[in-house]
Amino acid sequence: MKIIIEQKPANTPVYLTPDEVLLFIEFKRNYKIVAYILGFMESLHLEDMRETNVVLDIDKTGIISHAAITKHFRS
């Protein structure tokens, strides 16, 4: 006997302010770039980004060619 479980998306309303709507629209326009950068940062195991400066050099083809990561230790 084979059991198939289907997950259907929930119809959950999300309420946003007008400013949040504009930010979400901007995110949707650039989500591929954001996902690429987040994936790159995960590959470097940068789980904790607090007190950190990250500089990415992106070449003319859109590939990250160099990354400089500085962790600031403050007391």
N, C-alpha and C. Protein backbone atom coordinates (compact mmCIF):
# COMPACT_ATOMS: atom_id res chain seq x y z
N MET A 1 0.83 -1.16 0.00
CA MET A 1 0.00 0.00 0.00
C MET A 1 0.89 1.25 0.00
N LYS A 2 0.57 2.20 -0.87
CA LYS A 2 1.35 3.42 -1.01
C LYS A 2 0.52 4.60 -0.50
N ILE A 3 1.11 5.37 0.39
CA ILE A 3 0.41 6.53 0.95
C ILE A 3 1.04 7.78 0.37
N ILE A 4 0.21 8.63 -0.16
CA ILE A 4 0.68 9.90 -0.73
C ILE A 4 0.10 11.03 0.12
N ILE A 5 0.98 11.87 0.61
CA ILE A 5 0.56 13.02 1.41
C ILE A 5 0.76 14.27 0.58
N GLU A 6 -0.30 15.01 0.40
CA GLU A 6 -0.22 16.26 -0.35
C GLU A 6 -0.29 17.44 0.60
N GLN A 7 0.61 18.36 0.39
CA GLN A 7 0.56 19.59 1.18
C GLN A 7 0.03 20.69 0.28
N LYS A 8 -1.02 21.30 0.71
CA LYS A 8 -1.60 22.40 -0.05
C LYS A 8 -1.27 23.70 0.65
N PRO A 9 -1.01 24.73 -0.12
CA PRO A 9 -0.67 26.01 0.52
C PRO A 9 -1.86 26.52 1.33
N ALA A 10 -1.55 27.05 2.48
CA ALA A 10 -2.60 27.60 3.34
C ALA A 10 -3.02 28.97 2.82
N ASN A 11 -4.27 29.26 2.92
CA ASN A 11 -4.77 30.57 2.54
C ASN A 11 -4.78 31.45 3.78
N THR A 12 -3.59 31.90 4.15
CA THR A 12 -3.43 32.70 5.35
C THR A 12 -3.28 34.16 4.94
N PRO A 13 -4.16 35.01 5.41
CA PRO A 13 -4.02 36.43 5.05
C PRO A 13 -2.80 37.05 5.73
N VAL A 14 -2.14 37.92 5.01
CA VAL A 14 -0.99 38.65 5.55
C VAL A 14 -1.30 40.13 5.38
N TYR A 15 -1.22 40.84 6.47
CA TYR A 15 -1.54 42.27 6.45
C TYR A 15 -0.25 43.07 6.52
N LEU A 16 -0.10 43.98 5.55
CA LEU A 16 1.11 44.79 5.46
C LEU A 16 0.74 46.27 5.43
N THR A 17 1.64 47.06 5.96
CA THR A 17 1.47 48.51 5.84
C THR A 17 1.85 48.91 4.42
N PRO A 18 1.45 50.10 3.98
CA PRO A 18 1.85 50.54 2.63
C PRO A 18 3.37 50.53 2.42
N ASP A 19 4.13 50.89 3.45
CA ASP A 19 5.60 50.86 3.33
C ASP A 19 6.11 49.44 3.18
N GLU A 20 5.52 48.50 3.93
CA GLU A 20 5.93 47.10 3.83
C GLU A 20 5.58 46.52 2.45
N VAL A 21 4.47 46.96 1.88
CA VAL A 21 4.10 46.51 0.53
C VAL A 21 5.16 46.94 -0.47
N LEU A 22 5.61 48.18 -0.37
CA LEU A 22 6.64 48.67 -1.29
C LEU A 22 7.94 47.90 -1.12
N LEU A 23 8.32 47.60 0.13
CA LEU A 23 9.53 46.82 0.37
C LEU A 23 9.40 45.41 -0.19
N PHE A 24 8.22 44.81 -0.05
CA PHE A 24 8.01 43.46 -0.56
C PHE A 24 8.08 43.44 -2.09
N ILE A 25 7.50 44.44 -2.73
CA ILE A 25 7.58 44.54 -4.20
C ILE A 25 9.03 44.67 -4.63
N GLU A 26 9.81 45.48 -3.92
CA GLU A 26 11.24 45.63 -4.25
C GLU A 26 11.98 44.32 -4.04
N PHE A 27 11.66 43.61 -2.97
CA PHE A 27 12.28 42.31 -2.73
C PHE A 27 11.96 41.34 -3.85
N LYS A 28 10.70 41.31 -4.31
CA LYS A 28 10.32 40.39 -5.39
C LYS A 28 11.09 40.69 -6.66
N ARG A 29 11.39 41.96 -6.91
CA ARG A 29 12.16 42.33 -8.11
C ARG A 29 13.59 41.81 -8.04
N ASN A 30 14.13 41.73 -6.81
CA ASN A 30 15.55 41.41 -6.64
C ASN A 30 15.79 40.11 -5.89
N TYR A 31 14.80 39.23 -5.82
CA TYR A 31 14.97 38.04 -4.97
C TYR A 31 16.05 37.10 -5.47
N LYS A 32 16.30 37.04 -6.77
CA LYS A 32 17.36 36.16 -7.28
C LYS A 32 18.72 36.62 -6.79
N ILE A 33 18.94 37.92 -6.79
CA ILE A 33 20.21 38.47 -6.31
C ILE A 33 20.37 38.21 -4.82
N VAL A 34 19.30 38.46 -4.07
CA VAL A 34 19.34 38.25 -2.62
C VAL A 34 19.61 36.77 -2.31
N ALA A 35 18.92 35.87 -3.02
CA ALA A 35 19.10 34.43 -2.79
C ALA A 35 20.53 34.00 -3.13
N TYR A 36 21.09 34.54 -4.21
CA TYR A 36 22.46 34.21 -4.62
C TYR A 36 23.45 34.64 -3.54
N ILE A 37 23.29 35.87 -3.04
CA ILE A 37 24.21 36.37 -2.03
C ILE A 37 24.07 35.59 -0.72
N LEU A 38 22.82 35.31 -0.32
CA LEU A 38 22.62 34.53 0.90
C LEU A 38 23.20 33.12 0.76
N GLY A 39 23.04 32.51 -0.40
CA GLY A 39 23.63 31.19 -0.63
C GLY A 39 25.14 31.23 -0.55
N PHE A 40 25.74 32.28 -1.12
CA PHE A 40 27.19 32.43 -1.07
C PHE A 40 27.65 32.58 0.38
N MET A 41 26.92 33.38 1.15
CA MET A 41 27.30 33.59 2.54
C MET A 41 27.12 32.31 3.36
N GLU A 42 26.10 31.52 3.06
CA GLU A 42 25.93 30.24 3.75
C GLU A 42 27.08 29.29 3.42
N SER A 43 27.57 29.35 2.18
CA SER A 43 28.69 28.48 1.80
C SER A 43 29.96 28.83 2.58
N LEU A 44 30.04 30.07 3.06
CA LEU A 44 31.18 30.50 3.88
C LEU A 44 30.91 30.29 5.36
N HIS A 45 29.76 29.70 5.69
CA HIS A 45 29.35 29.42 7.08
C HIS A 45 29.29 30.69 7.92
N LEU A 46 28.65 31.71 7.36
CA LEU A 46 28.49 32.97 8.08
C LEU A 46 27.11 33.00 8.73
N GLU A 47 26.92 32.16 9.75
CA GLU A 47 25.63 32.09 10.39
C GLU A 47 25.34 33.31 11.26
N ASP A 48 26.34 33.82 11.93
CA ASP A 48 26.17 34.96 12.82
C ASP A 48 26.79 36.19 12.16
N MET A 49 25.95 37.08 11.69
CA MET A 49 26.43 38.25 10.97
C MET A 49 26.56 39.49 11.85
N ARG A 50 26.35 39.35 13.15
CA ARG A 50 26.45 40.52 14.03
C ARG A 50 27.89 41.01 14.08
N GLU A 51 28.02 42.32 14.11
CA GLU A 51 29.34 42.97 14.20
C GLU A 51 30.28 42.52 13.08
N THR A 52 29.74 42.37 11.88
CA THR A 52 30.52 41.87 10.75
C THR A 52 30.37 42.82 9.56
N ASN A 53 31.46 43.02 8.85
CA ASN A 53 31.45 43.81 7.63
C ASN A 53 31.79 42.87 6.47
N VAL A 54 30.94 42.83 5.44
CA VAL A 54 31.16 41.96 4.29
C VAL A 54 31.22 42.83 3.04
N VAL A 55 32.28 42.69 2.27
CA VAL A 55 32.44 43.41 1.00
C VAL A 55 32.54 42.37 -0.10
N LEU A 56 31.66 42.47 -1.10
CA LEU A 56 31.66 41.53 -2.22
C LEU A 56 32.07 42.27 -3.48
N ASP A 57 33.02 41.71 -4.21
CA ASP A 57 33.40 42.24 -5.52
C ASP A 57 32.71 41.36 -6.56
N ILE A 58 31.90 41.99 -7.40
CA ILE A 58 31.13 41.27 -8.42
C ILE A 58 31.68 41.67 -9.78
N ASP A 59 32.05 40.67 -10.59
CA ASP A 59 32.63 40.96 -11.90
C ASP A 59 31.56 41.33 -12.91
N LYS A 60 31.97 41.62 -14.14
CA LYS A 60 31.03 42.09 -15.16
C LYS A 60 30.03 41.03 -15.59
N THR A 61 30.28 39.77 -15.25
CA THR A 61 29.32 38.71 -15.59
C THR A 61 28.33 38.46 -14.46
N GLY A 62 28.50 39.17 -13.33
CA GLY A 62 27.58 39.02 -12.21
C GLY A 62 27.99 37.96 -11.21
N ILE A 63 29.22 37.47 -11.30
CA ILE A 63 29.72 36.45 -10.39
C ILE A 63 30.57 37.11 -9.31
N ILE A 64 30.43 36.64 -8.08
CA ILE A 64 31.24 37.17 -6.99
C ILE A 64 32.67 36.69 -7.19
N SER A 65 33.58 37.64 -7.38
CA SER A 65 34.97 37.28 -7.65
C SER A 65 35.85 37.35 -6.40
N HIS A 66 35.40 38.08 -5.40
CA HIS A 66 36.20 38.22 -4.18
C HIS A 66 35.27 38.62 -3.05
N ALA A 67 35.55 38.12 -1.86
CA ALA A 67 34.79 38.51 -0.68
C ALA A 67 35.76 38.83 0.44
N ALA A 68 35.53 39.97 1.09
CA ALA A 68 36.33 40.35 2.25
C ALA A 68 35.38 40.39 3.45
N ILE A 69 35.70 39.63 4.48
CA ILE A 69 34.83 39.53 5.65
C ILE A 69 35.65 39.96 6.87
N THR A 70 35.13 40.95 7.56
CA THR A 70 35.80 41.45 8.76
C THR A 70 34.85 41.30 9.93
N LYS A 71 35.27 40.56 10.92
CA LYS A 71 34.48 40.38 12.13
C LYS A 71 35.01 41.36 13.18
N HIS A 72 34.12 42.19 13.71
CA HIS A 72 34.49 43.20 14.70
C HIS A 72 34.18 42.64 16.09
N PHE A 73 35.19 42.53 16.90
CA PHE A 73 35.01 42.04 18.26
C PHE A 73 35.03 43.25 19.18
N ARG A 74 33.89 43.50 19.80
CA ARG A 74 33.77 44.64 20.70
C ARG A 74 33.40 44.14 22.07
N SER A 75 33.92 44.81 23.09
CA SER A 75 33.58 44.40 24.47
C SER A 75 32.49 45.26 25.02
